N, C-alpha and C. Protein backbone atom coordinates (compact mmCIF):
# COMPACT_ATOMS: atom_id res chain seq x y z
N MET A 1 66.49 124.77 118.27
CA MET A 1 65.90 124.47 119.66
C MET A 1 66.81 125.63 120.71
N VAL A 2 66.10 126.12 121.63
CA VAL A 2 66.37 127.32 122.34
C VAL A 2 67.54 126.31 123.50
N LYS A 3 68.34 127.02 124.37
CA LYS A 3 69.11 126.28 124.49
C LYS A 3 68.65 127.25 126.28
N LYS A 4 68.24 126.45 127.58
CA LYS A 4 67.85 126.99 128.57
C LYS A 4 69.11 127.33 129.51
N ARG A 5 68.88 128.28 129.83
CA ARG A 5 70.35 128.77 130.92
C ARG A 5 69.46 129.04 131.93
N VAL A 6 70.50 128.96 133.34
CA VAL A 6 70.26 129.20 134.73
C VAL A 6 71.76 130.22 135.46
N LEU A 7 70.99 130.79 136.66
CA LEU A 7 72.23 131.58 136.95
C LEU A 7 71.49 130.73 138.32
N VAL A 8 72.56 130.43 139.35
CA VAL A 8 72.96 129.75 140.58
C VAL A 8 73.49 130.50 141.60
N LYS A 9 73.23 131.18 142.11
CA LYS A 9 73.98 131.87 143.55
C LYS A 9 74.04 130.94 144.58
N PHE A 10 75.29 130.96 145.10
CA PHE A 10 75.81 130.08 146.55
C PHE A 10 76.19 131.45 147.49
N SER A 11 75.78 131.05 148.90
CA SER A 11 76.69 131.93 149.41
C SER A 11 77.68 131.72 149.62
N GLY A 12 79.01 132.53 150.37
CA GLY A 12 80.39 131.51 150.61
C GLY A 12 80.22 130.87 151.46
N GLU A 13 79.22 130.68 152.70
CA GLU A 13 78.97 129.89 153.45
C GLU A 13 78.37 128.33 153.01
N ALA A 14 78.07 128.56 152.17
CA ALA A 14 77.42 127.24 151.90
C ALA A 14 78.65 126.17 151.79
N LEU A 15 79.86 126.79 151.24
CA LEU A 15 81.71 125.73 151.07
C LEU A 15 81.88 125.44 152.35
N ALA A 16 81.60 126.27 153.59
CA ALA A 16 81.91 125.78 154.72
C ALA A 16 81.39 124.53 155.17
N GLY A 17 80.42 124.38 154.98
CA GLY A 17 80.16 122.99 155.47
C GLY A 17 79.78 123.03 156.98
N GLU A 18 80.27 122.14 157.88
CA GLU A 18 80.17 121.72 159.35
C GLU A 18 81.02 122.65 159.60
N ASN A 19 82.17 123.18 159.24
CA ASN A 19 83.22 123.82 160.18
C ASN A 19 82.49 125.30 160.32
N GLY A 20 81.60 125.88 159.25
CA GLY A 20 81.37 127.11 159.55
C GLY A 20 82.49 128.26 159.47
N PHE A 21 83.36 127.85 158.44
CA PHE A 21 84.58 128.51 158.05
C PHE A 21 85.54 128.02 156.78
N GLY A 22 86.53 128.43 155.86
CA GLY A 22 86.62 127.73 154.96
C GLY A 22 86.12 126.96 153.80
N ILE A 23 86.85 126.40 153.59
CA ILE A 23 86.38 125.31 152.16
C ILE A 23 86.20 123.84 152.66
N ASP A 24 84.79 123.42 152.62
CA ASP A 24 85.00 122.10 152.42
C ASP A 24 84.70 121.37 151.09
N THR A 25 85.46 120.65 150.86
CA THR A 25 85.90 119.85 149.39
C THR A 25 85.25 118.52 149.02
N GLN A 26 83.94 117.95 150.02
CA GLN A 26 83.02 117.48 150.40
C GLN A 26 81.89 118.15 149.64
N ILE A 27 82.08 119.57 149.62
CA ILE A 27 81.06 120.55 149.42
C ILE A 27 81.41 120.47 148.38
N LEU A 28 82.52 121.23 148.00
CA LEU A 28 82.70 121.48 145.96
C LEU A 28 82.40 120.16 145.33
N HIS A 29 82.84 118.99 146.08
CA HIS A 29 82.45 118.08 145.17
C HIS A 29 80.68 117.59 144.83
N PHE A 30 80.28 118.47 146.03
CA PHE A 30 78.97 118.09 146.15
C PHE A 30 78.18 118.74 144.86
N ILE A 31 78.45 120.43 145.17
CA ILE A 31 77.83 121.27 144.34
C ILE A 31 78.35 121.00 142.75
N SER A 32 79.66 120.43 142.19
CA SER A 32 80.09 120.35 140.72
C SER A 32 79.71 119.11 140.55
N GLY A 33 79.00 118.46 141.17
CA GLY A 33 78.27 117.30 140.68
C GLY A 33 76.61 117.79 140.26
N GLU A 34 76.22 118.43 140.93
CA GLU A 34 74.61 119.20 140.83
C GLU A 34 75.22 120.26 139.54
N ILE A 35 75.98 120.52 139.18
CA ILE A 35 75.97 121.23 138.14
C ILE A 35 76.66 120.74 136.75
N LYS A 36 76.98 119.54 137.33
CA LYS A 36 76.96 118.70 136.03
C LYS A 36 76.20 118.42 135.30
N SER A 37 75.33 117.66 136.26
CA SER A 37 74.25 117.16 135.99
C SER A 37 73.19 117.71 135.42
N LEU A 38 73.13 119.66 135.60
CA LEU A 38 72.29 120.49 134.60
C LEU A 38 73.25 120.70 133.14
N VAL A 39 74.33 120.37 133.37
CA VAL A 39 75.13 120.90 131.93
C VAL A 39 74.81 119.36 131.15
N ASP A 40 74.96 118.14 131.75
CA ASP A 40 74.57 117.40 131.39
C ASP A 40 73.33 117.15 130.17
N ASN A 41 72.13 117.80 131.39
CA ASN A 41 71.29 118.12 130.44
C ASN A 41 70.21 119.06 129.56
N GLY A 42 71.86 119.32 129.20
CA GLY A 42 71.40 121.05 127.83
C GLY A 42 71.51 122.12 128.54
N MET A 43 71.78 122.17 129.87
CA MET A 43 71.61 123.82 130.30
C MET A 43 72.71 123.61 130.64
N SER A 44 72.82 125.60 130.12
CA SER A 44 74.00 126.25 130.25
C SER A 44 73.99 127.36 131.57
N VAL A 45 74.76 126.80 132.67
CA VAL A 45 74.68 127.53 133.97
C VAL A 45 76.07 128.13 133.99
N ALA A 46 75.58 129.67 134.90
CA ALA A 46 76.31 130.60 135.61
C ALA A 46 75.76 130.52 136.52
N VAL A 47 77.36 130.88 137.35
CA VAL A 47 77.58 130.44 139.09
C VAL A 47 77.58 132.01 139.90
N VAL A 48 77.31 132.29 140.64
CA VAL A 48 77.86 133.63 141.67
C VAL A 48 78.03 132.62 142.84
N ILE A 49 79.12 133.59 143.25
CA ILE A 49 79.45 132.45 144.50
C ILE A 49 79.84 134.23 145.61
N GLY A 50 79.45 134.15 146.82
CA GLY A 50 79.85 135.30 147.85
C GLY A 50 81.41 134.15 148.54
N GLY A 51 81.61 135.04 149.46
CA GLY A 51 83.00 135.36 149.73
C GLY A 51 82.76 135.01 151.92
N GLY A 52 81.69 134.80 152.29
CA GLY A 52 81.48 134.87 153.67
C GLY A 52 82.02 133.87 154.51
N ASN A 53 82.61 132.64 154.24
CA ASN A 53 83.29 131.64 154.77
C ASN A 53 84.40 132.06 154.90
N ILE A 54 85.25 133.10 154.24
CA ILE A 54 86.73 133.52 154.38
C ILE A 54 86.61 134.84 155.22
N ILE A 55 86.20 135.50 154.61
CA ILE A 55 85.47 137.29 155.79
C ILE A 55 84.67 137.89 155.65
N ARG A 56 83.89 138.66 156.26
CA ARG A 56 82.96 139.52 155.94
C ARG A 56 83.39 141.24 155.75
N GLY A 57 83.28 141.59 155.09
CA GLY A 57 83.65 143.13 154.97
C GLY A 57 83.47 143.69 156.51
N VAL A 58 81.89 143.79 156.76
CA VAL A 58 81.44 144.70 157.72
C VAL A 58 82.31 144.34 159.25
N SER A 59 82.28 142.48 159.15
CA SER A 59 82.94 142.37 160.14
C SER A 59 84.22 142.14 160.81
N ALA A 60 84.97 142.52 159.63
CA ALA A 60 86.29 143.13 159.29
C ALA A 60 86.31 144.34 160.00
N ALA A 61 85.52 145.08 159.73
CA ALA A 61 85.49 146.61 159.70
C ALA A 61 85.00 146.88 161.08
N ALA A 62 84.32 145.62 161.55
CA ALA A 62 83.72 146.52 163.15
C ALA A 62 84.52 147.15 164.05
N ASP A 63 85.78 146.89 164.55
CA ASP A 63 86.40 147.98 165.53
C ASP A 63 87.17 149.02 165.13
N GLY A 64 86.83 149.36 164.09
CA GLY A 64 87.59 150.53 163.40
C GLY A 64 88.83 150.91 163.08
N ILE A 65 89.31 149.31 163.05
CA ILE A 65 91.01 149.16 162.49
C ILE A 65 91.10 148.86 161.28
N ILE A 66 90.28 148.33 160.61
CA ILE A 66 90.25 147.79 159.04
C ILE A 66 89.08 149.34 158.67
N THR A 67 89.40 150.11 157.76
CA THR A 67 88.12 150.35 157.12
C THR A 67 87.42 150.09 156.32
N ARG A 68 85.96 149.96 156.51
CA ARG A 68 85.25 149.54 155.61
C ARG A 68 85.02 149.35 154.30
N THR A 69 85.82 149.86 153.81
CA THR A 69 86.70 150.28 152.19
C THR A 69 87.00 148.78 152.54
N SER A 70 88.22 148.55 152.66
CA SER A 70 89.16 147.74 152.67
C SER A 70 88.49 146.40 153.02
N GLY A 71 87.98 145.81 154.33
CA GLY A 71 87.08 145.27 154.13
C GLY A 71 86.18 145.04 153.59
N ASP A 72 86.16 145.60 152.60
CA ASP A 72 84.88 145.08 151.04
C ASP A 72 85.57 144.77 150.76
N TYR A 73 87.06 145.24 150.88
CA TYR A 73 87.55 145.03 149.16
C TYR A 73 88.20 143.18 149.49
N MET A 74 88.54 143.29 151.24
CA MET A 74 88.93 141.60 151.46
C MET A 74 87.96 140.65 151.22
N GLY A 75 86.76 141.42 151.22
CA GLY A 75 85.65 140.32 150.78
C GLY A 75 85.31 139.62 149.53
N MET A 76 85.75 140.59 148.68
CA MET A 76 86.24 141.04 147.46
C MET A 76 86.65 139.68 146.46
N LEU A 77 88.08 139.52 147.39
CA LEU A 77 89.08 138.61 147.07
C LEU A 77 89.09 137.45 147.76
N ALA A 78 87.86 137.24 149.18
CA ALA A 78 87.16 136.07 148.85
C ALA A 78 86.30 135.39 148.70
N THR A 79 85.61 136.22 147.64
CA THR A 79 84.84 135.51 146.59
C THR A 79 85.89 135.01 145.66
N CYS A 80 86.63 135.75 145.17
CA CYS A 80 87.46 135.54 144.15
C CYS A 80 88.49 134.06 144.36
N ILE A 81 89.01 134.00 145.67
CA ILE A 81 89.08 132.49 146.09
C ILE A 81 88.20 131.47 146.39
N ASN A 82 86.64 131.83 146.34
CA ASN A 82 85.75 130.73 146.25
C ASN A 82 85.55 130.31 144.96
N GLY A 83 85.82 131.10 144.24
CA GLY A 83 86.13 131.27 142.59
C GLY A 83 86.45 130.12 142.13
N ILE A 84 88.20 130.62 142.59
CA ILE A 84 88.68 129.49 142.21
C ILE A 84 88.57 127.82 142.55
N ALA A 85 88.29 128.18 143.72
CA ALA A 85 87.98 126.38 144.20
C ALA A 85 86.84 125.85 143.37
N LEU A 86 86.14 126.70 143.08
CA LEU A 86 84.66 126.68 142.27
C LEU A 86 85.06 125.56 141.13
N GLN A 87 86.08 126.47 140.34
CA GLN A 87 86.22 126.14 138.86
C GLN A 87 87.63 124.68 139.25
N GLU A 88 88.08 124.58 139.87
CA GLU A 88 88.78 123.85 139.90
C GLU A 88 87.98 122.73 140.25
N ALA A 89 86.96 122.62 140.91
CA ALA A 89 86.14 121.45 141.47
C ALA A 89 85.15 121.09 140.00
N PHE A 90 84.73 122.25 139.55
CA PHE A 90 84.27 122.10 138.01
C PHE A 90 84.82 121.34 137.35
N GLU A 91 86.38 121.59 137.02
CA GLU A 91 87.12 120.93 135.64
C GLU A 91 87.53 119.89 136.21
N HIS A 92 87.59 119.46 137.84
CA HIS A 92 88.13 118.01 138.22
C HIS A 92 86.58 117.12 137.56
N ASN A 93 85.65 117.47 137.50
CA ASN A 93 84.57 116.96 137.40
C ASN A 93 84.11 116.94 135.92
N GLY A 94 84.88 117.76 135.36
CA GLY A 94 84.82 116.98 133.67
C GLY A 94 84.26 118.31 132.93
N LEU A 95 83.68 119.45 133.88
CA LEU A 95 83.48 120.75 132.80
C LEU A 95 84.46 121.96 132.78
N ASP A 96 83.74 122.33 131.95
CA ASP A 96 84.58 123.51 131.02
C ASP A 96 83.99 124.80 131.95
N ALA A 97 85.01 125.43 132.58
CA ALA A 97 84.38 126.86 133.68
C ALA A 97 85.65 127.48 133.74
N ARG A 98 85.13 128.69 133.49
CA ARG A 98 85.85 130.26 133.62
C ARG A 98 85.65 131.16 134.67
N LEU A 99 86.35 131.55 135.17
CA LEU A 99 86.31 132.43 136.37
C LEU A 99 86.24 134.24 135.95
């Protein structure tokens, strides 16, 4: 039997919901439920998430106080924050997840 694999990519903004920033736990619940349905149907799932709901490197560096490089580093940390949130949501929903 061939195991099917899928890669799913979410923008960080997808986690913000109606607020436009931050992390909406209802969105986390919805996403983890959708991923669980894939796993329950035999799929191997990898998830990629952005960090734009927390900070965008380009925007942080717009006025020159924060360098573009530091702004990008801040964006990478935002991606890690979102990854932790997704891992928690997946595990809360009974999935094994690693960041």
